[in-house]
Amino acid sequence: MILFGVITLFSCEDNFQDIQRMSISDNAPTGIGVNTNTKYLDSGRVTVNLMTPKSYDYTALEFPYREFPKGIEVWYWNDDGKKSVVTSDYAMEFSKSRLVDLRNNVKVVTGDGATVFAEQMYWDQKNKWVFTDKPYKIKFKDGSFNDGEGFNSSEDFKTFMSRKNQGVQLIDKSKETNGI
């Protein structure tokens, strides 16, 4: 009996993550947040503020992610202090790929005054790029607008490439056109 106990004791592997995974049912989150307000700091300055009524943390899974089933509101401040706001009725953030999937009533208001509306939009945090294959509308500060299907853009919308669109572009005729 003592020999069996010693063998059992030494055969146990001390791996906390494996024990954690075994104790969690396959579809259960490791954490649930309610009415959270999370602030991310860089050198003591708030750069991102994420607010959500509910979040689920699945980061203990092999393909970790966080789910925001009741939507998010995120405020971003760039290095110049300009604030951009992102809202959606549903969102998922995939930790390993650093991809955010925003769905349903997605709205982005940039610090430069552009507003983008879409039913789904992806944000590649690693490459600082946003894109969609779904219909979208973008309104610029000067009154120009663009409606289309699918775009790729830098996260600040300064580099914007639409796949198929129509819209109105306002041109200031008072500026020199260099013979064009």
Protein backbone atom coordinates (compact mmCIF):
# COMPACT_ATOMS: atom_id res chain seq x y z
CA MET A 1 0.00 0.00 0.00
CA ILE A 2 2.82 2.39 0.90
CA LEU A 3 4.66 1.50 -2.33
CA PHE A 4 1.49 2.24 -4.35
CA GLY A 5 1.14 5.64 -2.63
CA VAL A 6 4.78 6.57 -3.33
CA ILE A 7 4.48 5.53 -7.00
CA THR A 8 1.27 7.54 -7.35
CA LEU A 9 2.84 10.55 -5.68
CA PHE A 10 5.90 10.57 -7.96
CA SER A 11 3.96 9.79 -11.12
CA CYS A 12 1.87 12.95 -10.81
CA GLU A 13 3.10 15.65 -13.13
CA ASP A 14 3.10 19.15 -11.72
CA ASN A 15 1.69 21.03 -14.70
CA PHE A 16 -0.78 23.67 -13.58
CA GLN A 17 -2.04 24.50 -17.10
CA ASP A 18 -2.93 20.87 -17.80
CA ILE A 19 -4.80 20.66 -14.50
CA GLN A 20 -6.59 23.90 -15.32
CA ARG A 21 -7.66 22.61 -18.74
CA MET A 22 -8.96 19.35 -17.25
CA SER A 23 -11.02 21.18 -14.62
CA ILE A 24 -12.78 23.41 -17.16
CA SER A 25 -15.55 21.99 -19.27
CA ASP A 26 -14.98 22.22 -23.03
CA ASN A 27 -17.26 25.19 -23.66
CA ALA A 28 -16.97 27.10 -20.40
CA PRO A 29 -15.10 30.41 -20.19
CA THR A 30 -12.32 30.80 -17.64
CA GLY A 31 -13.70 34.20 -16.69
CA ILE A 32 -16.82 36.32 -17.14
CA GLY A 33 -16.78 40.10 -16.95
CA VAL A 34 -19.87 42.23 -16.32
CA ASN A 35 -19.92 45.99 -16.99
CA THR A 36 -16.15 46.15 -17.36
CA ASN A 37 -14.14 49.28 -18.07
CA THR A 38 -10.56 48.32 -18.96
CA LYS A 39 -7.84 50.93 -19.51
CA TYR A 40 -4.55 50.20 -21.25
CA LEU A 41 -1.60 52.42 -20.38
CA ASP A 42 1.61 53.23 -22.24
CA SER A 43 4.23 55.16 -20.26
CA GLY A 44 1.58 56.22 -17.76
CA ARG A 45 -0.76 57.57 -20.45
CA VAL A 46 -4.13 55.96 -21.22
CA THR A 47 -4.03 54.84 -24.86
CA VAL A 48 -7.07 52.54 -25.00
CA ASN A 49 -10.26 52.35 -22.94
CA LEU A 50 -12.47 49.29 -23.59
CA MET A 51 -15.99 49.21 -22.14
CA THR A 52 -18.40 46.30 -22.42
CA PRO A 53 -21.55 45.08 -20.65
CA LYS A 54 -20.37 41.45 -20.80
CA SER A 55 -17.23 39.54 -21.75
CA TYR A 56 -16.20 35.90 -21.78
CA ASP A 57 -12.56 34.85 -21.45
CA TYR A 58 -11.55 31.70 -23.34
CA THR A 59 -7.81 32.36 -23.19
CA ALA A 60 -7.03 28.99 -21.54
CA LEU A 61 -8.01 27.17 -24.75
CA GLU A 62 -5.51 26.02 -27.37
CA PHE A 63 -6.77 28.81 -29.68
CA PRO A 64 -7.38 31.57 -27.09
CA TYR A 65 -9.96 34.32 -27.57
CA ARG A 66 -12.25 36.73 -25.76
CA GLU A 67 -15.91 37.21 -26.69
CA PHE A 68 -18.03 40.32 -26.19
CA PRO A 69 -21.60 39.11 -26.90
CA LYS A 70 -23.31 42.38 -25.93
CA GLY A 71 -20.94 44.63 -27.81
CA ILE A 72 -18.07 46.96 -27.09
CA GLU A 73 -17.16 50.61 -27.05
CA VAL A 74 -13.47 51.33 -27.42
CA TRP A 75 -11.74 54.69 -27.22
CA TYR A 76 -8.23 55.03 -28.74
CA TRP A 77 -5.87 57.96 -28.40
CA ASN A 78 -3.06 58.36 -30.93
CA ASP A 79 0.31 59.95 -30.17
CA ASP A 80 -1.14 63.39 -31.00
CA GLY A 81 -3.92 62.92 -28.45
CA LYS A 82 -6.69 62.54 -31.06
CA LYS A 83 -9.44 60.19 -29.91
CA SER A 84 -11.08 57.58 -32.14
CA VAL A 85 -14.15 55.59 -31.05
CA VAL A 86 -15.14 52.08 -32.18
CA THR A 87 -18.51 50.52 -31.32
CA SER A 88 -20.19 47.26 -32.34
CA ASP A 89 -22.99 45.06 -31.05
CA TYR A 90 -20.73 41.98 -30.95
CA ALA A 91 -16.97 41.39 -30.97
CA MET A 92 -14.32 38.69 -30.64
CA GLU A 93 -10.59 39.17 -30.04
CA PHE A 94 -8.25 36.32 -31.00
CA SER A 95 -5.14 36.46 -28.81
CA LYS A 96 -2.59 34.56 -30.93
CA SER A 97 -3.40 36.19 -34.28
CA ARG A 98 -4.20 39.59 -32.70
CA LEU A 99 -7.26 39.82 -34.94
CA VAL A 100 -10.48 41.52 -33.76
CA ASP A 101 -13.80 40.60 -35.40
CA LEU A 102 -16.40 43.37 -35.03
CA ARG A 103 -19.99 42.55 -36.04
CA ASN A 104 -23.41 44.17 -36.23
CA ASN A 105 -23.74 47.95 -36.33
CA VAL A 106 -20.00 48.57 -36.46
CA LYS A 107 -19.17 52.26 -36.27
CA VAL A 108 -15.72 53.84 -36.29
CA VAL A 109 -15.25 57.57 -35.72
CA THR A 110 -11.63 58.55 -36.33
CA GLY A 111 -9.77 61.36 -34.64
CA ASP A 112 -9.62 63.09 -38.04
CA GLY A 113 -13.41 63.21 -38.39
CA ALA A 114 -14.12 60.27 -40.73
CA THR A 115 -16.99 57.94 -39.80
CA VAL A 116 -17.20 54.36 -41.07
CA PHE A 117 -20.30 52.15 -40.83
CA ALA A 118 -20.28 48.40 -41.59
CA GLU A 119 -22.02 45.20 -40.56
CA GLN A 120 -18.68 43.44 -40.07
CA MET A 121 -15.12 44.68 -39.91
CA TYR A 122 -11.82 43.05 -38.97
CA TRP A 123 -8.94 44.80 -37.26
CA ASP A 124 -5.47 43.31 -37.57
CA GLN A 125 -3.77 44.81 -34.52
CA LYS A 126 -0.34 43.47 -35.44
CA ASN A 127 -0.28 45.10 -38.90
CA LYS A 128 -2.46 48.10 -37.90
CA TRP A 129 -4.90 47.34 -40.72
CA VAL A 130 -8.72 47.13 -40.98
CA PHE A 131 -10.76 45.41 -43.67
CA THR A 132 -14.13 43.96 -44.64
CA ASP A 133 -15.77 42.07 -47.50
CA LYS A 134 -19.20 43.38 -46.48
CA PRO A 135 -21.02 46.57 -47.54
CA TYR A 136 -19.83 49.74 -45.84
CA LYS A 137 -20.34 53.51 -45.78
CA ILE A 138 -17.67 56.08 -45.01
CA LYS A 139 -18.26 59.79 -44.46
CA PHE A 140 -15.36 62.21 -44.37
CA LYS A 141 -15.09 65.43 -42.39
CA ASP A 142 -15.35 67.56 -45.57
CA GLY A 143 -18.72 66.01 -46.55
CA SER A 144 -17.33 63.50 -49.05
CA PHE A 145 -18.74 60.01 -48.77
CA ASN A 146 -18.25 56.56 -50.20
CA ASP A 147 -20.57 53.52 -50.24
CA GLY A 148 -19.17 50.21 -51.32
CA GLU A 149 -18.51 46.54 -50.83
CA GLY A 150 -15.26 45.59 -49.20
CA PHE A 151 -12.22 47.70 -48.36
CA ASN A 152 -8.70 47.51 -46.96
CA SER A 153 -7.34 50.40 -44.94
CA SER A 154 -4.72 51.51 -42.49
CA GLU A 155 -6.25 51.73 -39.02
CA ASP A 156 -6.26 55.54 -39.23
CA PHE A 157 -8.09 55.39 -42.63
CA LYS A 158 -5.44 57.56 -44.31
CA THR A 159 -4.65 54.74 -46.76
CA PHE A 160 -8.02 53.48 -47.98
CA MET A 161 -8.61 51.04 -50.85
CA SER A 162 -12.17 50.14 -51.79
CA ARG A 163 -12.99 47.15 -53.98
CA LYS A 164 -16.29 48.35 -55.44
CA ASN A 165 -17.80 51.72 -54.58
CA GLN A 166 -19.61 54.87 -55.50
CA GLY A 167 -19.66 58.23 -53.77
CA VAL A 168 -19.03 61.94 -53.86
CA GLN A 169 -15.57 63.45 -53.55
CA LEU A 170 -15.36 67.18 -52.84
CA ILE A 171 -12.47 68.98 -54.50
CA ASP A 172 -11.25 72.40 -53.41
CA LYS A 173 -10.86 74.33 -56.70
CA SER A 174 -9.08 77.18 -54.95
CA LYS A 175 -5.93 75.06 -54.51
CA GLU A 176 -3.32 74.98 -57.26
CA THR A 177 -3.57 71.88 -59.40
CA ASN A 178 -0.13 72.04 -61.08
CA GLY A 179 -1.57 72.09 -64.58
CA ILE A 180 -3.89 69.14 -64.09
